[in-house]
Protein backbone atom coordinates (compact mmCIF):
# COMPACT_ATOMS: atom_id res chain seq x y z
CA MET A 1 28.42 -93.79 99.97
CA SER A 2 27.45 -93.10 104.03
CA PRO A 3 27.98 -89.07 104.77
CA THR A 4 31.84 -90.24 106.77
CA ASP A 5 32.83 -92.05 103.25
CA LYS A 6 32.08 -88.78 101.19
CA ARG A 7 35.50 -87.96 99.60
CA ASN A 8 36.83 -84.56 100.24
CA LEU A 9 37.44 -82.32 97.07
CA ILE A 10 39.22 -79.21 96.73
CA LEU A 11 39.80 -76.99 93.79
CA ALA A 12 42.94 -75.32 94.31
CA PHE A 13 44.71 -71.94 92.42
CA GLU A 14 48.25 -71.48 92.44
CA SER A 15 49.66 -68.37 90.58
CA SER A 16 52.55 -66.86 93.24
CA CYS A 17 54.55 -66.43 90.49
CA ASP A 18 55.24 -67.58 86.76
CA GLU A 19 52.77 -70.79 86.80
CA THR A 20 49.32 -70.67 86.49
CA SER A 21 48.00 -74.01 87.63
CA VAL A 22 44.75 -75.24 88.95
CA ALA A 23 44.25 -78.72 90.17
CA VAL A 24 41.77 -81.24 91.90
CA ILE A 25 42.44 -82.86 95.18
CA GLU A 26 40.87 -85.56 96.94
CA ASP A 27 41.36 -86.23 100.70
CA GLY A 28 44.86 -84.32 100.36
CA HIS A 29 46.84 -86.68 98.80
CA LYS A 30 45.09 -87.71 95.85
CA ILE A 31 45.79 -85.86 92.54
CA LEU A 32 42.50 -86.14 90.49
CA SER A 33 44.20 -83.31 88.12
CA ASN A 34 46.95 -80.83 88.16
CA ILE A 35 46.78 -78.35 85.09
CA VAL A 36 50.19 -76.19 85.13
CA ALA A 37 50.39 -73.62 82.30
CA THR A 38 54.07 -72.65 82.38
CA GLN A 39 55.75 -69.18 81.35
CA ILE A 40 58.64 -70.00 81.09
CA LYS A 41 59.74 -69.05 77.57
CA SER A 42 57.88 -65.71 78.26
CA HIS A 43 60.37 -64.62 80.62
CA GLN A 44 64.03 -66.42 79.65
CA ARG A 45 64.58 -63.28 77.59
CA PHE A 46 64.50 -61.04 80.14
CA GLY A 47 66.89 -63.10 82.42
CA GLY A 48 64.31 -63.66 84.99
CA VAL A 49 60.86 -63.07 85.96
CA VAL A 50 58.55 -59.89 85.16
CA PRO A 51 56.04 -59.39 87.31
CA GLU A 52 53.59 -57.41 84.64
CA VAL A 53 54.21 -60.20 81.82
CA ALA A 54 53.54 -62.86 84.47
CA SER A 55 50.05 -61.37 85.44
CA ARG A 56 49.19 -61.06 82.28
CA HIS A 57 49.87 -64.65 81.56
CA HIS A 58 47.87 -65.54 84.38
CA ILE A 59 45.27 -63.43 83.23
CA GLU A 60 45.06 -65.32 80.11
CA GLU A 61 45.38 -68.99 81.46
CA VAL A 62 43.35 -68.98 84.75
CA THR A 63 39.94 -69.84 83.20
CA LEU A 64 41.34 -72.48 80.91
CA CYS A 65 43.02 -74.16 83.72
CA ILE A 66 39.91 -74.44 85.60
CA LYS A 67 38.30 -75.70 82.69
CA ASP A 68 40.86 -78.49 81.98
CA ALA A 69 41.07 -79.17 85.66
CA LEU A 70 37.36 -80.19 86.09
CA GLN A 71 37.60 -81.85 82.90
CA GLU A 72 40.53 -84.25 83.31
CA ALA A 73 39.01 -84.84 86.74
CA ALA A 74 35.67 -85.27 85.84
CA VAL A 75 33.79 -83.44 88.25
CA SER A 76 31.51 -80.55 88.30
CA TYR A 77 31.41 -77.67 90.86
CA ASP A 78 28.37 -79.50 92.30
CA ASP A 79 31.25 -81.82 93.26
CA LEU A 80 33.26 -79.65 95.28
CA ASP A 81 33.56 -79.04 98.89
CA ALA A 82 36.02 -76.11 98.72
CA VAL A 83 38.29 -73.82 96.76
CA ALA A 84 42.02 -72.97 98.06
CA VAL A 85 44.08 -70.38 96.63
CA THR A 86 48.12 -69.17 97.07
CA TYR A 87 47.41 -65.68 98.82
CA GLY A 88 51.20 -65.24 99.71
CA PRO A 89 53.88 -65.03 99.85
CA GLY A 90 55.13 -64.02 95.90
CA LEU A 91 54.37 -61.38 93.33
CA VAL A 92 51.33 -59.57 94.48
CA GLY A 93 50.16 -58.64 90.80
CA ALA A 94 50.00 -62.51 90.11
CA LEU A 95 49.01 -63.54 93.38
CA LEU A 96 45.74 -61.27 93.18
CA ILE A 97 45.17 -63.34 89.73
CA GLY A 98 44.88 -66.76 91.41
CA VAL A 99 42.94 -64.81 94.55
CA THR A 100 40.45 -63.13 92.49
CA ALA A 101 39.49 -66.24 90.52
CA ALA A 102 39.20 -68.40 93.71
CA LYS A 103 36.75 -65.47 95.40
CA THR A 104 34.64 -65.83 92.51
CA VAL A 105 34.69 -69.48 92.11
CA ALA A 106 33.54 -69.84 95.98
CA PHE A 107 30.79 -67.41 95.48
CA ALA A 108 29.48 -68.17 92.41
CA HIS A 109 29.00 -71.90 93.80
CA ASP A 110 28.68 -71.36 97.38
CA LEU A 111 31.82 -73.09 98.35
CA PRO A 112 33.79 -72.25 101.43
CA LEU A 113 37.28 -70.97 100.26
CA ILE A 114 40.49 -71.90 101.91
CA PRO A 115 44.10 -69.37 101.86
CA VAL A 116 46.64 -71.23 101.50
CA ASN A 117 50.31 -70.38 102.04
CA HIS A 118 52.72 -70.67 99.08
CA MET A 119 55.33 -72.33 101.53
CA ALA A 120 53.20 -74.66 103.21
CA GLY A 121 51.80 -76.24 100.24
CA HIS A 122 55.38 -76.85 99.02
CA ILE A 123 56.09 -78.74 102.12
CA TYR A 124 52.53 -80.34 102.10
CA ALA A 125 53.83 -81.73 98.50
CA ALA A 126 55.38 -84.55 100.68
CA ARG A 127 51.54 -86.19 101.39
CA TYR A 128 51.49 -87.46 97.47
CA VAL A 129 54.80 -89.46 98.76
CA GLU A 130 53.81 -90.57 102.39
CA PRO A 131 51.49 -89.41 105.18
CA ILE A 132 53.83 -86.84 107.17
CA GLU A 133 54.49 -87.97 110.52
CA PHE A 134 54.97 -84.82 113.44
CA PRO A 135 57.19 -83.65 114.86
CA ALA A 136 58.94 -83.19 111.64
CA MET A 137 61.66 -80.72 110.38
CA ALA A 138 61.47 -79.16 106.67
CA LEU A 139 64.26 -78.20 104.62
CA LEU A 140 62.31 -75.37 101.96
CA VAL A 141 64.65 -74.44 99.41
CA SER A 142 63.14 -72.54 96.44
CA GLY A 143 63.95 -69.54 93.94
CA GLY A 144 62.85 -66.86 97.02
CA HIS A 145 63.08 -68.60 100.07
CA THR A 146 65.80 -71.36 102.03
CA GLU A 147 64.09 -71.92 105.38
CA LEU A 148 64.49 -74.77 107.99
CA VAL A 149 60.95 -75.34 109.42
CA TYR A 150 60.15 -76.94 112.76
CA MET A 151 56.75 -78.58 112.83
CA PRO A 152 55.85 -79.78 116.10
CA ALA A 153 51.86 -81.02 114.84
CA GLU A 154 49.94 -80.82 111.82
CA ASN A 155 48.82 -77.24 110.91
CA GLN A 156 51.66 -75.53 112.82
CA PHE A 157 54.94 -74.29 111.48
CA GLU A 158 58.31 -72.78 113.04
CA ILE A 159 61.01 -71.02 111.12
CA ILE A 160 63.94 -72.03 112.81
CA GLY A 161 66.32 -71.17 110.05
CA GLU A 162 66.31 -68.91 106.92
CA THR A 163 68.53 -67.05 104.76
CA ARG A 164 69.63 -63.28 105.21
CA ASP A 165 70.18 -62.51 101.53
CA ASP A 166 69.98 -64.32 98.43
CA ALA A 167 67.97 -67.71 98.73
CA ALA A 168 69.57 -70.92 96.92
CA GLY A 169 67.50 -70.92 93.87
CA GLU A 170 68.22 -66.87 93.11
CA ALA A 171 71.95 -67.96 93.25
CA TYR A 172 71.77 -70.61 90.85
CA ASP A 173 70.14 -68.40 88.49
CA LYS A 174 72.59 -65.84 89.11
CA VAL A 175 75.61 -67.34 88.72
CA GLY A 176 73.77 -69.24 85.50
CA ARG A 177 73.61 -65.99 84.24
CA VAL A 178 77.37 -65.47 84.48
CA MET A 179 77.82 -68.56 82.38
CA GLY A 180 75.47 -67.95 79.84
CA VAL A 181 73.00 -70.27 80.91
CA ASN A 182 69.06 -69.19 80.09
CA TYR A 183 66.75 -68.59 83.21
CA PRO A 184 65.77 -70.75 85.29
CA ALA A 185 69.37 -71.77 85.53
CA GLY A 186 68.92 -74.82 88.15
CA LYS A 187 68.74 -78.03 86.53
CA THR A 188 71.36 -76.92 83.57
CA VAL A 189 73.88 -75.64 86.56
CA ASP A 190 73.26 -78.98 88.21
CA GLU A 191 73.88 -81.11 85.57
CA TRP A 192 77.46 -79.51 85.01
CA ALA A 193 77.78 -79.96 88.47
CA HIS A 194 77.95 -83.88 87.66
CA GLN A 195 80.74 -83.47 85.58
CA GLY A 196 83.04 -81.30 87.09
CA HIS A 197 84.99 -80.99 90.54
CA ASP A 198 85.17 -78.63 93.17
CA THR A 199 88.43 -76.83 92.25
CA PHE A 200 87.69 -73.59 93.16
CA HIS A 201 86.80 -74.08 96.97
CA PHE A 202 84.51 -71.27 97.24
CA PRO A 203 83.75 -69.74 100.65
CA ARG A 204 80.87 -71.57 102.72
CA ALA A 205 79.54 -68.46 104.29
CA MET A 206 77.95 -69.14 107.95
CA GLU A 207 78.26 -72.69 107.97
CA LYS A 208 80.22 -72.96 111.47
CA ASP A 209 78.02 -70.33 112.61
CA ASP A 210 75.85 -70.83 116.34
CA ASN A 211 72.34 -70.59 114.20
CA PHE A 212 70.27 -72.18 111.46
CA ASP A 213 70.47 -69.15 109.03
CA PHE A 214 71.84 -69.61 105.76
CA SER A 215 73.91 -66.72 103.65
CA PHE A 216 74.61 -67.13 99.57
CA SER A 217 75.44 -63.57 98.75
CA GLY A 218 79.11 -64.03 99.39
CA LEU A 219 79.59 -67.33 97.79
CA LYS A 220 77.54 -65.58 94.45
CA SER A 221 79.74 -62.64 94.47
CA ALA A 222 83.09 -64.77 95.20
CA PHE A 223 81.83 -66.83 91.96
CA ILE A 224 80.84 -63.72 89.82
CA ASN A 225 84.47 -62.16 91.03
CA THR A 226 86.75 -65.38 89.77
CA THR A 227 85.05 -65.51 86.59
CA HIS A 228 85.31 -61.75 85.72
CA HIS A 229 88.80 -61.98 86.62
CA ALA A 230 89.66 -64.83 84.25
CA ASP A 231 88.11 -62.91 81.53
CA GLN A 232 90.20 -59.41 82.26
CA ILE A 233 93.34 -61.59 81.90
CA GLY A 234 92.09 -63.77 79.11
CA GLU A 235 91.76 -67.19 81.16
CA THR A 236 89.12 -69.97 80.20
CA LEU A 237 87.49 -71.43 83.26
CA ASP A 238 85.87 -75.06 83.28
CA LYS A 239 82.54 -74.47 83.30
CA HIS A 240 82.00 -77.92 84.77
CA ASP A 241 84.37 -77.40 87.22
CA LEU A 242 82.95 -73.82 88.28
CA ALA A 243 78.96 -75.32 88.60
CA ALA A 244 80.45 -78.34 90.48
CA SER A 245 82.10 -75.79 92.85
CA PHE A 246 79.37 -73.79 93.46
CA GLN A 247 77.30 -76.22 93.87
CA GLN A 248 79.32 -77.78 96.40
CA ALA A 249 79.84 -74.72 98.60
CA VAL A 250 75.39 -74.71 98.39
CA VAL A 251 74.60 -78.43 99.44
CA ASP A 252 77.57 -78.04 102.05
CA VAL A 253 75.96 -74.99 104.09
CA LEU A 254 72.29 -76.68 103.48
CA ALA A 255 73.58 -80.55 104.67
CA GLU A 256 75.40 -78.67 107.82
CA LYS A 257 72.80 -76.70 108.63
CA THR A 258 70.39 -79.16 108.33
CA LEU A 259 72.25 -81.67 110.38
CA ARG A 260 72.81 -79.49 113.28
CA ALA A 261 69.16 -78.58 113.50
CA LEU A 262 68.35 -82.37 113.52
CA ARG A 263 70.28 -83.15 116.45
CA ASP A 264 68.44 -79.79 118.46
CA TYR A 265 65.03 -80.86 117.36
CA PRO A 266 64.56 -84.40 117.08
CA VAL A 267 61.66 -85.28 114.34
CA HIS A 268 60.07 -88.44 112.80
CA GLN A 269 60.67 -86.99 109.24
CA LEU A 270 63.16 -84.34 107.22
CA ILE A 271 61.07 -83.05 104.10
CA LEU A 272 62.97 -81.44 101.64
CA ALA A 273 60.83 -79.42 99.44
CA GLY A 274 60.41 -76.41 97.08
CA GLY A 275 62.24 -75.74 93.33
CA VAL A 276 65.77 -76.09 94.41
CA ALA A 277 64.50 -79.97 96.16
CA ALA A 278 64.76 -81.05 92.70
CA ASN A 279 68.67 -80.29 92.67
CA LEU A 280 69.97 -84.31 92.19
CA GLY A 281 73.49 -83.32 93.85
CA LEU A 282 71.29 -82.22 97.24
CA ARG A 283 69.11 -85.43 96.91
CA GLU A 284 72.03 -87.17 96.68
CA ARG A 285 73.77 -85.54 99.71
CA LEU A 286 71.01 -85.56 102.12
CA ASP A 287 70.57 -89.47 100.86
CA HIS A 288 73.93 -90.23 102.39
CA ASP A 289 73.94 -87.63 105.21
CA LEU A 290 70.27 -88.86 107.03
CA ALA A 291 71.81 -92.39 107.03
CA THR A 292 73.60 -91.69 110.17
CA VAL A 293 70.97 -89.88 111.84
CA ASN A 294 68.84 -92.24 114.10
CA GLY A 295 65.07 -92.21 113.82
CA THR A 296 64.80 -89.60 111.13
CA HIS A 297 63.50 -90.38 107.84
CA LEU A 298 63.89 -87.68 104.35
CA VAL A 299 60.86 -87.89 102.60
CA LYS A 300 61.52 -86.05 99.46
CA ALA A 301 58.82 -83.93 97.22
CA PRO A 302 58.22 -86.01 93.88
CA LEU A 303 60.31 -84.34 91.29
CA LYS A 304 57.01 -83.36 89.09
CA LEU A 305 55.75 -81.12 92.22
CA CYS A 306 58.99 -79.13 93.50
CA GLY A 307 57.98 -76.66 91.27
CA ASP A 308 55.05 -74.40 92.03
CA ASN A 309 51.73 -76.15 91.18
CA ALA A 310 47.82 -76.43 92.39
CA ALA A 311 48.22 -79.88 93.58
CA MET A 312 50.99 -79.10 96.74
CA ILE A 313 48.26 -76.00 97.45
CA GLY A 314 45.29 -78.60 97.78
CA ALA A 315 47.80 -80.70 99.19
CA PHE A 316 47.56 -78.52 102.65
CA ALA A 317 43.92 -77.24 101.69
CA ASN A 318 42.77 -80.69 103.02
CA VAL A 319 44.49 -79.81 106.03
CA ALA A 320 43.31 -76.63 106.41
CA TYR A 321 39.46 -77.65 105.96
CA ARG A 322 39.63 -80.03 108.92
CA HIS A 323 41.50 -76.98 111.46
CA GLY A 324 38.46 -74.83 109.96
CA VAL A 325 40.81 -72.58 108.44
CA PHE A 326 38.73 -70.17 106.10
CA ALA A 327 38.66 -67.08 104.45
CA ASP A 328 36.07 -64.45 103.24
CA ALA A 329 35.95 -62.02 100.34
CA THR A 330 37.74 -59.85 102.23
CA LEU A 331 40.54 -62.34 101.47
CA ASN A 332 43.71 -60.28 99.79
CA ALA A 333 46.99 -60.72 98.08
CA ASP A 334 50.02 -60.76 101.14
CA PRO A 335 53.22 -60.81 98.91
CA SER A 336 55.28 -61.10 102.17
CA LEU A 337 53.28 -63.81 104.04
CA GLU A 338 55.03 -65.49 106.50
CA PHE A 339 54.12 -68.63 108.38
CA ASP A 340 52.77 -67.00 111.91
CA TRP A 341 49.65 -66.74 110.23
CA VAL A 342 49.46 -70.81 110.47
CA ALA A 343 50.60 -71.03 114.06
CA ASP A 344 47.98 -68.70 114.99
CA ALA A 345 44.61 -70.50 113.00
CA ALA A 346 45.88 -73.82 115.22
CA LYS A 347 45.51 -72.75 118.86
């Protein structure tokens, strides 16, 4: 094998919230291993993620995930070209576990360290479906973020729209709690929505505003007020219709804003990514609507990679590696990290 044929192997870490994950990724688009230790059961009794509990689980799981990832990929530290890690955004305590583990491995084995924006990882999970063609647009919909991201070229990001309050995923969890659904509620609400009808006609906040921003706080409040009023007068509301009405309002706003953004920013691909990208209602709507947009192809992150995982971090890390984006031992967690660092690094 000649030097130009050598495969690029990256050991990637993800620990931004309640999933401990380590993966070995080849050339940014081939998964050799992707170990994910979930904490859902530990957080369900609290109705959401408890940062201290999450950090403790990361400490317990990270070394086991490293061992399993290397073993499943059938590689050793000597085979690796770099170590990559999510350093933001996310829960600061959780991020610190992954950053510390990655820095330790990089130092011990004299490997370059690649800092990765968690949201860039979500977007680049699309590489496991097909190569990303630029310019591209991403609709990022997760528990903590709802954003429209324009990408004029590789390793360049511009947020053109974002949520001003609750993210879509947060709204799903909050209305799910009202309906008695365990955290995380998104999948169950989606399933119920497919069995009901939009009978409540909840508000579509900012749908027609002259911008690409989102707001789901008013929708959440309208949903809660409707259910509380019904409780007070002894009325029983159909849970399927409630779910369908809520989901229709979310999907209408996401689709409307996205289509308008595509008219102003013509792109080759629209990438749907993030935890809420697994929502079948949203996927079906964008499949339908993108058929009317000439020249733009919809790329949906694989269902199994919509949630937090290290494979998506490795996908973007390969890009950062080729662009020379590296960190040293001073790398720290940045819980409020935004995309600006990527644009600066690409200049």
